[in-house]
Amino acid sequence: MLAIPVDGISDGRSRNARTVAELDGSEEEAEAALLQAASTFEYDLWKVRRREIFKCSSRSYFVRIEGLLNAYGFLLQLGERVQDSGVQAGDDE
């Protein structure tokens, strides 16, 4: 599960996507976990005053969160790992 900043991140902060969670389970379980993450994701705000969640698809939500001084927007999205160069063939994940 990834959080991709799309709004409100200043030049001094990282604009890179961050991993919010790694999940094992069914697609339905992952989609439920994504909605839960959208409902609780706070970036690094001390106190969230307002949260807006917009469903883009069953696998992505746009979340706008407002703190006391700042507002941020993130696209929270499910992704499926299809390759990992750190795992050798035959290794258990």
N, C-alpha and C. Protein backbone atom coordinates (compact mmCIF):
# COMPACT_ATOMS: atom_id res chain seq x y z
N MET A 1 0.86 -1.15 0.00
CA MET A 1 0.00 0.00 0.00
C MET A 1 0.91 1.23 0.00
N LEU A 2 0.67 2.13 -0.92
CA LEU A 2 1.52 3.30 -1.09
C LEU A 2 0.75 4.58 -0.81
N ALA A 3 1.45 5.59 -0.29
CA ALA A 3 0.93 6.94 -0.15
C ALA A 3 1.79 7.84 -1.04
N ILE A 4 1.17 8.44 -2.03
CA ILE A 4 1.87 9.27 -3.00
C ILE A 4 1.43 10.71 -2.79
N PRO A 5 2.35 11.59 -2.38
CA PRO A 5 1.96 12.99 -2.16
C PRO A 5 1.60 13.67 -3.48
N VAL A 6 0.50 14.40 -3.47
CA VAL A 6 0.08 15.11 -4.68
C VAL A 6 -0.24 16.58 -4.43
N ASP A 7 -0.27 17.00 -3.15
CA ASP A 7 -0.64 18.38 -2.87
C ASP A 7 -0.14 18.79 -1.49
N GLY A 8 0.45 19.98 -1.40
CA GLY A 8 0.75 20.57 -0.10
C GLY A 8 2.11 20.26 0.49
N ILE A 9 2.93 19.46 -0.18
CA ILE A 9 4.24 19.11 0.37
C ILE A 9 5.23 20.20 -0.03
N SER A 10 5.88 20.80 0.96
CA SER A 10 6.81 21.89 0.68
C SER A 10 8.10 21.35 0.07
N ASP A 11 8.91 22.26 -0.48
CA ASP A 11 10.15 21.87 -1.14
C ASP A 11 11.12 21.17 -0.20
N GLY A 12 11.07 21.46 1.08
CA GLY A 12 11.99 20.86 2.03
C GLY A 12 11.60 19.45 2.46
N ARG A 13 10.48 18.98 2.02
CA ARG A 13 10.00 17.65 2.42
C ARG A 13 10.07 16.70 1.24
N SER A 14 10.10 15.43 1.56
CA SER A 14 10.17 14.41 0.52
C SER A 14 8.86 14.33 -0.25
N ARG A 15 8.98 14.32 -1.56
CA ARG A 15 7.81 14.17 -2.43
C ARG A 15 7.70 12.73 -2.93
N ASN A 16 8.48 11.84 -2.39
CA ASN A 16 8.48 10.46 -2.83
C ASN A 16 7.31 9.69 -2.25
N ALA A 17 6.92 8.65 -2.95
CA ALA A 17 5.90 7.73 -2.42
C ALA A 17 6.49 7.02 -1.22
N ARG A 18 5.64 6.70 -0.28
CA ARG A 18 6.07 5.93 0.89
C ARG A 18 5.17 4.71 1.04
N THR A 19 5.75 3.65 1.56
CA THR A 19 4.98 2.45 1.84
C THR A 19 4.24 2.65 3.15
N VAL A 20 2.94 2.50 3.12
CA VAL A 20 2.11 2.64 4.32
C VAL A 20 2.00 1.30 5.03
N ALA A 21 1.84 0.23 4.27
CA ALA A 21 1.69 -1.11 4.85
C ALA A 21 2.00 -2.15 3.78
N GLU A 22 2.44 -3.30 4.25
CA GLU A 22 2.58 -4.46 3.37
C GLU A 22 1.58 -5.49 3.85
N LEU A 23 0.81 -6.03 2.91
CA LEU A 23 -0.30 -6.90 3.26
C LEU A 23 -0.17 -8.26 2.59
N ASP A 24 -0.66 -9.26 3.26
CA ASP A 24 -0.88 -10.58 2.68
C ASP A 24 -2.34 -10.90 2.88
N GLY A 25 -3.00 -11.35 1.84
CA GLY A 25 -4.41 -11.69 1.98
C GLY A 25 -5.11 -11.58 0.65
N SER A 26 -6.42 -11.69 0.70
CA SER A 26 -7.23 -11.62 -0.52
C SER A 26 -7.34 -10.18 -1.02
N GLU A 27 -7.82 -10.05 -2.23
CA GLU A 27 -8.03 -8.71 -2.80
C GLU A 27 -9.05 -7.94 -1.97
N GLU A 28 -10.09 -8.61 -1.51
CA GLU A 28 -11.11 -7.96 -0.69
C GLU A 28 -10.53 -7.47 0.63
N GLU A 29 -9.67 -8.27 1.25
CA GLU A 29 -9.02 -7.87 2.50
C GLU A 29 -8.11 -6.66 2.27
N ALA A 30 -7.39 -6.66 1.16
CA ALA A 30 -6.51 -5.54 0.84
C ALA A 30 -7.31 -4.26 0.61
N GLU A 31 -8.44 -4.37 -0.09
CA GLU A 31 -9.27 -3.19 -0.33
C GLU A 31 -9.86 -2.64 0.96
N ALA A 32 -10.25 -3.53 1.88
CA ALA A 32 -10.76 -3.09 3.18
C ALA A 32 -9.66 -2.41 3.99
N ALA A 33 -8.44 -2.97 3.94
CA ALA A 33 -7.31 -2.37 4.65
C ALA A 33 -6.95 -1.01 4.06
N LEU A 34 -7.10 -0.86 2.74
CA LEU A 34 -6.83 0.42 2.10
C LEU A 34 -7.80 1.49 2.60
N LEU A 35 -9.08 1.17 2.68
CA LEU A 35 -10.05 2.14 3.20
C LEU A 35 -9.75 2.48 4.66
N GLN A 36 -9.37 1.49 5.45
CA GLN A 36 -9.00 1.75 6.85
C GLN A 36 -7.79 2.68 6.91
N ALA A 37 -6.80 2.45 6.05
CA ALA A 37 -5.61 3.31 6.02
C ALA A 37 -5.98 4.73 5.62
N ALA A 38 -6.88 4.87 4.64
CA ALA A 38 -7.32 6.20 4.22
C ALA A 38 -8.02 6.93 5.37
N SER A 39 -8.69 6.17 6.22
CA SER A 39 -9.42 6.76 7.34
C SER A 39 -8.53 7.14 8.52
N THR A 40 -7.32 6.63 8.54
CA THR A 40 -6.43 6.88 9.69
C THR A 40 -5.09 7.52 9.32
N PHE A 41 -4.75 7.59 8.03
CA PHE A 41 -3.45 8.13 7.61
C PHE A 41 -3.34 9.60 8.02
N GLU A 42 -2.24 9.95 8.69
CA GLU A 42 -2.08 11.32 9.18
C GLU A 42 -0.81 12.00 8.71
N TYR A 43 -0.03 11.35 7.85
CA TYR A 43 1.24 11.88 7.39
C TYR A 43 2.08 12.16 8.62
N ASP A 44 2.41 13.40 8.90
CA ASP A 44 3.12 13.70 10.15
C ASP A 44 2.45 14.87 10.89
N LEU A 45 1.14 14.98 10.69
CA LEU A 45 0.39 16.02 11.38
C LEU A 45 0.19 15.64 12.84
N TRP A 46 0.34 16.61 13.71
CA TRP A 46 0.13 16.37 15.14
C TRP A 46 -1.34 16.15 15.44
N LYS A 47 -2.19 16.95 14.80
CA LYS A 47 -3.62 16.84 15.01
C LYS A 47 -4.33 17.11 13.69
N VAL A 48 -5.14 16.16 13.26
CA VAL A 48 -5.92 16.32 12.03
C VAL A 48 -7.24 17.01 12.37
N ARG A 49 -7.48 18.14 11.73
CA ARG A 49 -8.73 18.88 11.96
C ARG A 49 -9.83 18.45 11.01
N ARG A 50 -9.43 18.07 9.81
CA ARG A 50 -10.42 17.67 8.80
C ARG A 50 -9.79 16.63 7.88
N ARG A 51 -10.59 15.65 7.49
CA ARG A 51 -10.14 14.61 6.57
C ARG A 51 -11.23 14.43 5.50
N GLU A 52 -10.82 14.49 4.25
CA GLU A 52 -11.73 14.20 3.15
C GLU A 52 -11.16 13.00 2.40
N ILE A 53 -12.02 12.04 2.09
CA ILE A 53 -11.60 10.84 1.38
C ILE A 53 -12.44 10.74 0.10
N PHE A 54 -11.77 10.60 -1.03
CA PHE A 54 -12.43 10.47 -2.32
C PHE A 54 -12.04 9.13 -2.92
N LYS A 55 -13.01 8.32 -3.27
CA LYS A 55 -12.74 7.03 -3.86
C LYS A 55 -12.49 7.22 -5.35
N CYS A 56 -11.32 6.81 -5.81
CA CYS A 56 -10.98 6.88 -7.23
C CYS A 56 -11.29 5.55 -7.91
N SER A 57 -11.03 4.47 -7.19
CA SER A 57 -11.34 3.12 -7.65
C SER A 57 -11.32 2.22 -6.42
N SER A 58 -11.58 0.94 -6.61
CA SER A 58 -11.54 0.04 -5.46
C SER A 58 -10.12 -0.14 -4.94
N ARG A 59 -9.14 0.32 -5.72
CA ARG A 59 -7.73 0.16 -5.34
C ARG A 59 -7.02 1.49 -5.06
N SER A 60 -7.77 2.61 -5.04
CA SER A 60 -7.11 3.89 -4.75
C SER A 60 -8.10 4.91 -4.20
N TYR A 61 -7.58 5.74 -3.28
CA TYR A 61 -8.34 6.83 -2.67
C TYR A 61 -7.46 8.07 -2.65
N PHE A 62 -8.09 9.22 -2.87
CA PHE A 62 -7.41 10.49 -2.65
C PHE A 62 -7.82 10.96 -1.27
N VAL A 63 -6.83 11.29 -0.44
CA VAL A 63 -7.08 11.73 0.93
C VAL A 63 -6.53 13.14 1.09
N ARG A 64 -7.39 14.06 1.53
CA ARG A 64 -6.94 15.42 1.84
C ARG A 64 -7.08 15.57 3.35
N ILE A 65 -5.96 15.88 4.01
CA ILE A 65 -5.99 16.06 5.46
C ILE A 65 -5.50 17.46 5.80
N GLU A 66 -6.20 18.08 6.76
CA GLU A 66 -5.86 19.43 7.20
C GLU A 66 -5.49 19.39 8.67
N GLY A 67 -4.36 20.03 8.97
CA GLY A 67 -3.96 20.20 10.35
C GLY A 67 -4.23 21.62 10.79
N LEU A 68 -3.57 22.04 11.85
CA LEU A 68 -3.76 23.40 12.34
C LEU A 68 -3.20 24.43 11.37
N LEU A 69 -2.06 24.11 10.74
CA LEU A 69 -1.40 25.08 9.87
C LEU A 69 -1.26 24.63 8.42
N ASN A 70 -1.34 23.33 8.17
CA ASN A 70 -1.04 22.81 6.84
C ASN A 70 -2.15 21.88 6.35
N ALA A 71 -2.19 21.72 5.03
CA ALA A 71 -3.10 20.75 4.41
C ALA A 71 -2.28 19.95 3.39
N TYR A 72 -2.57 18.66 3.32
CA TYR A 72 -1.83 17.77 2.42
C TYR A 72 -2.81 16.89 1.67
N GLY A 73 -2.41 16.50 0.47
CA GLY A 73 -3.19 15.56 -0.32
C GLY A 73 -2.33 14.37 -0.70
N PHE A 74 -2.90 13.17 -0.59
CA PHE A 74 -2.18 11.95 -0.91
C PHE A 74 -3.09 11.02 -1.70
N LEU A 75 -2.50 10.32 -2.64
CA LEU A 75 -3.17 9.23 -3.31
C LEU A 75 -2.71 7.96 -2.60
N LEU A 76 -3.63 7.28 -1.94
CA LEU A 76 -3.33 5.99 -1.32
C LEU A 76 -3.77 4.91 -2.29
N GLN A 77 -2.84 4.02 -2.58
CA GLN A 77 -3.06 3.09 -3.68
C GLN A 77 -2.51 1.72 -3.34
N LEU A 78 -3.24 0.69 -3.74
CA LEU A 78 -2.74 -0.68 -3.61
C LEU A 78 -1.80 -0.97 -4.77
N GLY A 79 -0.73 -1.63 -4.47
CA GLY A 79 0.19 -2.08 -5.50
C GLY A 79 0.56 -3.53 -5.22
N GLU A 80 0.82 -4.26 -6.27
CA GLU A 80 1.22 -5.65 -6.12
C GLU A 80 2.69 -5.78 -6.50
N ARG A 81 3.49 -6.29 -5.57
CA ARG A 81 4.91 -6.48 -5.87
C ARG A 81 5.04 -7.60 -6.89
N VAL A 82 5.66 -7.30 -8.01
CA VAL A 82 5.85 -8.30 -9.06
C VAL A 82 7.30 -8.72 -9.20
N GLN A 83 8.21 -7.98 -8.54
CA GLN A 83 9.61 -8.35 -8.57
C GLN A 83 10.28 -7.77 -7.34
N ASP A 84 11.27 -8.49 -6.81
CA ASP A 84 12.07 -8.02 -5.69
C ASP A 84 13.46 -8.59 -5.86
N SER A 85 14.41 -7.74 -6.21
CA SER A 85 15.77 -8.22 -6.46
C SER A 85 16.45 -8.69 -5.18
N GLY A 86 15.87 -8.40 -4.02
CA GLY A 86 16.46 -8.84 -2.75
C GLY A 86 16.06 -10.26 -2.37
N VAL A 87 15.14 -10.86 -3.13
CA VAL A 87 14.68 -12.22 -2.84
C VAL A 87 15.21 -13.14 -3.92
N GLN A 88 15.93 -14.18 -3.51
CA GLN A 88 16.46 -15.15 -4.47
C GLN A 88 15.36 -16.13 -4.87
N ALA A 89 15.46 -16.64 -6.08
CA ALA A 89 14.49 -17.63 -6.56
C ALA A 89 14.45 -18.80 -5.58
N GLY A 90 13.23 -19.21 -5.21
CA GLY A 90 13.07 -20.33 -4.31
C GLY A 90 13.01 -19.94 -2.85
N ASP A 91 13.39 -18.69 -2.50
CA ASP A 91 13.30 -18.22 -1.12
C ASP A 91 11.84 -17.97 -0.75
N ASP A 92 11.50 -18.23 0.49
CA ASP A 92 10.16 -17.91 0.97
C ASP A 92 10.12 -16.43 1.31
N GLU A 93 8.99 -15.78 1.03
CA GLU A 93 8.85 -14.37 1.38
C GLU A 93 8.28 -14.25 2.76
